[in-house]
Amino acid sequence: RYFNDLASIARTKREQYNAWSGLMEAYYQTERYDSVSYYGQLILERGNVNANAESKANLFIGKAAYSQGNNQEAMDYFLTTFNTAKDENGEAAQWLLAEIQYKNGEYATSIETLYDLNSNFSAYEFWLGRSFLLIADNYIALEENFQARATLNSLVERSPLPEIVEMARRNLRDLDESQAKQTDELEVDTTTFQIIEN
């Protein structure tokens, strides 16, 4: 309601942008993705306040498309965002692009995107940590568990963010459980083979 009121009484481009940006974010939080896109497009077409405004609008339109399963449209907006923004919006967009690649089974491409992200945006600890967590997930999907474990252990030892450390520890536990289960299944298969052979 506040941002709707602000939009109706806005007198400057800055006030309009603040209202539209607030509405765009609020609608994203409430999963009203058509409204996110509407206000994002308004910002792109008429906001013209600063470069950050455009990158944020592109990011949120992409996030809305991604949330609705429109991955190709989302990727287009994410590419636009990180190619034009060298701020946290660009970093988030590049991470989301890598996540889509991961979910599409494009593990090597996702890893490449994430290493590029890390070299371009190393100042943002949260996204740096998230990128290494996703790199580890890609390694697990590629069955390169040694690499995944090394990546996760490095996060546990070096990340200054407790939430990233906790996620890395949880992923290490999951990896240990998965490998233990595979070992148990292999032992059962070997035992069964020996019984059949005798």
Protein backbone atom coordinates (compact mmCIF):
# COMPACT_ATOMS: atom_id res chain seq x y z
CA ARG A 1 0.00 0.00 0.00
CA TYR A 2 2.81 2.41 0.88
CA PHE A 3 4.47 2.04 -2.52
CA ASN A 4 1.12 2.39 -4.33
CA ASP A 5 0.55 5.65 -2.45
CA LEU A 6 4.07 6.80 -3.25
CA ALA A 7 3.57 6.00 -6.95
CA SER A 8 0.38 8.05 -7.07
CA ILE A 9 1.97 11.15 -5.52
CA ALA A 10 5.50 10.88 -6.97
CA ARG A 11 6.73 14.15 -8.41
CA THR A 12 10.22 13.24 -9.56
CA LYS A 13 11.73 10.37 -11.52
CA ARG A 14 13.56 9.28 -8.36
CA GLU A 15 10.29 9.09 -6.38
CA GLN A 16 8.63 7.19 -9.24
CA TYR A 17 11.54 4.76 -9.40
CA ASN A 18 11.47 4.21 -5.62
CA ALA A 19 7.75 3.43 -5.78
CA TRP A 20 8.02 1.12 -8.78
CA SER A 21 11.08 -0.62 -7.36
CA GLY A 22 9.33 -1.15 -4.03
CA LEU A 23 6.26 -2.53 -5.79
CA MET A 24 8.41 -4.80 -7.96
CA GLU A 25 10.17 -6.25 -4.90
CA ALA A 26 6.97 -6.58 -2.88
CA TYR A 27 5.21 -8.39 -5.71
CA TYR A 28 8.19 -10.72 -6.07
CA GLN A 29 8.01 -11.56 -2.36
CA THR A 30 4.30 -12.32 -2.70
CA GLU A 31 4.85 -14.38 -5.88
CA ARG A 32 2.80 -12.07 -8.12
CA TYR A 33 5.21 -12.44 -11.00
CA ASP A 34 3.13 -10.70 -13.68
CA SER A 35 3.18 -7.57 -11.53
CA VAL A 36 6.94 -7.94 -11.03
CA SER A 37 7.39 -7.93 -14.79
CA TYR A 38 4.99 -5.00 -15.21
CA TYR A 39 6.86 -2.74 -12.78
CA GLY A 40 10.23 -3.96 -14.00
CA GLN A 41 9.26 -2.98 -17.55
CA LEU A 42 8.05 0.43 -16.31
CA ILE A 43 11.46 1.00 -14.74
CA LEU A 44 13.23 -0.05 -17.95
CA GLU A 45 11.01 2.11 -20.15
CA ARG A 46 10.55 5.20 -17.98
CA GLY A 47 12.67 4.93 -14.84
CA ASN A 48 15.99 6.09 -16.32
CA VAL A 49 17.30 7.04 -12.87
CA ASN A 50 20.64 5.21 -12.93
CA ALA A 51 22.32 2.06 -14.23
CA ASN A 52 21.60 0.21 -10.98
CA ALA A 53 17.86 0.78 -11.52
CA GLU A 54 18.01 -0.95 -14.90
CA SER A 55 20.13 -3.85 -13.67
CA LYS A 56 17.79 -4.40 -10.73
CA ALA A 57 14.73 -4.33 -13.01
CA ASN A 58 16.33 -6.83 -15.41
CA LEU A 59 17.30 -9.07 -12.50
CA PHE A 60 13.79 -9.08 -11.02
CA ILE A 61 12.10 -9.67 -14.39
CA GLY A 62 14.49 -12.58 -14.89
CA LYS A 63 13.79 -13.93 -11.39
CA ALA A 64 10.05 -13.72 -12.04
CA ALA A 65 10.44 -15.61 -15.33
CA TYR A 66 12.65 -18.22 -13.61
CA SER A 67 10.10 -18.67 -10.81
CA GLN A 68 7.45 -19.33 -13.45
CA GLY A 69 9.62 -21.92 -15.22
CA ASN A 70 10.42 -19.68 -18.21
CA ASN A 71 14.12 -20.49 -18.09
CA GLN A 72 15.04 -19.18 -21.55
CA GLU A 73 13.43 -15.81 -20.87
CA ALA A 74 15.07 -15.73 -17.45
CA MET A 75 18.48 -16.50 -18.96
CA ASP A 76 18.07 -13.61 -21.43
CA TYR A 77 17.38 -11.16 -18.60
CA PHE A 78 20.18 -12.59 -16.45
CA LEU A 79 22.65 -12.26 -19.35
CA THR A 80 21.57 -8.66 -19.89
CA THR A 81 21.97 -7.94 -16.19
CA PHE A 82 25.43 -9.36 -15.66
CA ASN A 83 26.74 -8.06 -18.98
CA THR A 84 25.75 -4.50 -18.05
CA ALA A 85 26.03 -4.46 -14.25
CA LYS A 86 29.20 -4.91 -12.28
CA ASP A 87 27.39 -4.80 -8.95
CA GLU A 88 25.55 -7.27 -6.74
CA ASN A 89 22.68 -7.44 -9.25
CA GLY A 90 25.13 -8.66 -11.91
CA GLU A 91 26.57 -11.20 -9.53
CA ALA A 92 23.15 -12.54 -8.55
CA ALA A 93 22.17 -12.77 -12.22
CA GLN A 94 25.30 -14.70 -13.12
CA TRP A 95 24.78 -17.10 -10.20
CA LEU A 96 21.15 -17.69 -11.23
CA LEU A 97 22.30 -18.35 -14.80
CA ALA A 98 24.75 -20.96 -13.46
CA GLU A 99 21.95 -22.51 -11.40
CA ILE A 100 19.79 -22.88 -14.52
CA GLN A 101 22.72 -24.48 -16.33
CA TYR A 102 23.19 -26.88 -13.41
CA LYS A 103 19.49 -27.81 -13.41
CA ASN A 104 19.66 -28.35 -17.18
CA GLY A 105 22.52 -30.84 -16.69
CA GLU A 106 25.09 -28.46 -18.20
CA TYR A 107 27.52 -29.05 -15.34
CA ALA A 108 30.78 -28.06 -17.04
CA THR A 109 29.18 -24.88 -18.40
CA SER A 110 27.79 -24.07 -14.96
CA ILE A 111 31.23 -24.50 -13.39
CA GLU A 112 32.76 -22.23 -16.04
CA THR A 113 30.07 -19.59 -15.41
CA LEU A 114 30.72 -19.78 -11.66
CA TYR A 115 34.50 -19.45 -11.99
CA ASP A 116 33.91 -16.43 -14.23
CA LEU A 117 31.57 -15.02 -11.55
CA ASN A 118 34.23 -15.53 -8.88
CA SER A 119 36.86 -13.68 -10.88
CA ASN A 120 34.51 -10.79 -11.74
CA PHE A 121 32.72 -10.36 -8.40
CA SER A 122 35.01 -11.57 -5.63
CA ALA A 123 34.07 -8.61 -3.39
CA TYR A 124 30.65 -10.05 -2.53
CA GLU A 125 31.28 -12.79 0.06
CA PHE A 126 27.73 -14.13 0.08
CA TRP A 127 27.62 -14.78 -3.68
CA LEU A 128 31.22 -16.02 -3.66
CA GLY A 129 30.25 -18.62 -1.04
CA ARG A 130 27.05 -19.55 -2.88
CA SER A 131 29.01 -19.98 -6.10
CA PHE A 132 31.43 -22.43 -4.48
CA LEU A 133 28.50 -24.38 -3.03
CA LEU A 134 27.04 -24.68 -6.53
CA ILE A 135 30.45 -25.62 -7.94
CA ALA A 136 30.52 -28.50 -5.42
CA ASP A 137 27.00 -29.55 -6.51
CA ASN A 138 28.20 -29.61 -10.11
CA TYR A 139 31.19 -31.77 -9.15
CA ILE A 140 28.88 -34.19 -7.34
CA ALA A 141 26.66 -34.40 -10.43
CA LEU A 142 29.79 -35.14 -12.49
CA GLU A 143 30.71 -37.83 -9.90
CA GLU A 144 33.87 -35.93 -9.02
CA ASN A 145 33.34 -36.35 -5.31
CA PHE A 146 36.98 -35.65 -4.41
CA GLN A 147 36.72 -32.21 -6.04
CA ALA A 148 33.35 -31.58 -4.39
CA ARG A 149 34.73 -32.51 -0.97
CA ALA A 150 37.80 -30.28 -1.43
CA THR A 151 35.58 -27.35 -2.46
CA LEU A 152 33.25 -27.79 0.51
CA ASN A 153 36.12 -28.23 2.99
CA SER A 154 37.70 -25.04 1.66
CA LEU A 155 34.44 -23.18 2.32
CA VAL A 156 34.23 -24.55 5.87
CA GLU A 157 37.81 -23.43 6.55
CA ARG A 158 37.79 -20.05 4.77
CA SER A 159 34.33 -18.52 4.49
CA PRO A 160 33.72 -15.62 6.87
CA LEU A 161 29.95 -16.15 6.65
CA PRO A 162 28.44 -18.58 9.18
CA GLU A 163 25.46 -19.41 6.93
CA ILE A 164 27.80 -20.43 4.08
CA VAL A 165 29.90 -22.54 6.46
CA GLU A 166 26.75 -24.27 7.74
CA MET A 167 25.54 -24.98 4.19
CA ALA A 168 28.96 -26.41 3.30
CA ARG A 169 28.94 -28.63 6.40
CA ARG A 170 25.42 -29.85 5.58
CA ASN A 171 26.50 -30.64 2.00
CA LEU A 172 29.53 -32.52 3.31
CA ARG A 173 27.27 -34.62 5.57
CA ASP A 174 24.97 -35.33 2.62
CA LEU A 175 27.96 -36.32 0.48
CA ASP A 176 29.24 -38.65 3.24
CA GLU A 177 25.80 -40.26 3.58
CA SER A 178 25.49 -40.69 -0.18
CA GLN A 179 28.93 -42.27 -0.45
CA ALA A 180 28.24 -44.58 2.52
CA LYS A 181 24.99 -45.69 0.89
CA GLN A 182 26.81 -46.38 -2.40
CA THR A 183 29.46 -48.39 -0.54
CA ASP A 184 26.75 -50.43 1.24
CA GLU A 185 24.99 -51.11 -2.07
CA LEU A 186 28.28 -52.14 -3.67
CA GLU A 187 28.98 -54.56 -0.79
CA VAL A 188 25.49 -56.08 -1.16
CA ASP A 189 26.03 -56.50 -4.92
CA THR A 190 29.43 -58.14 -4.33
CA THR A 191 27.99 -60.50 -1.70
CA THR A 192 25.11 -61.44 -4.00
CA PHE A 193 27.56 -62.09 -6.84
CA GLN A 194 29.69 -64.37 -4.60
CA ILE A 195 26.61 -66.35 -3.46
CA ILE A 196 25.45 -66.84 -7.05
CA GLU A 197 28.96 -67.84 -8.13
CA ASN A 198 29.19 -70.56 -5.45
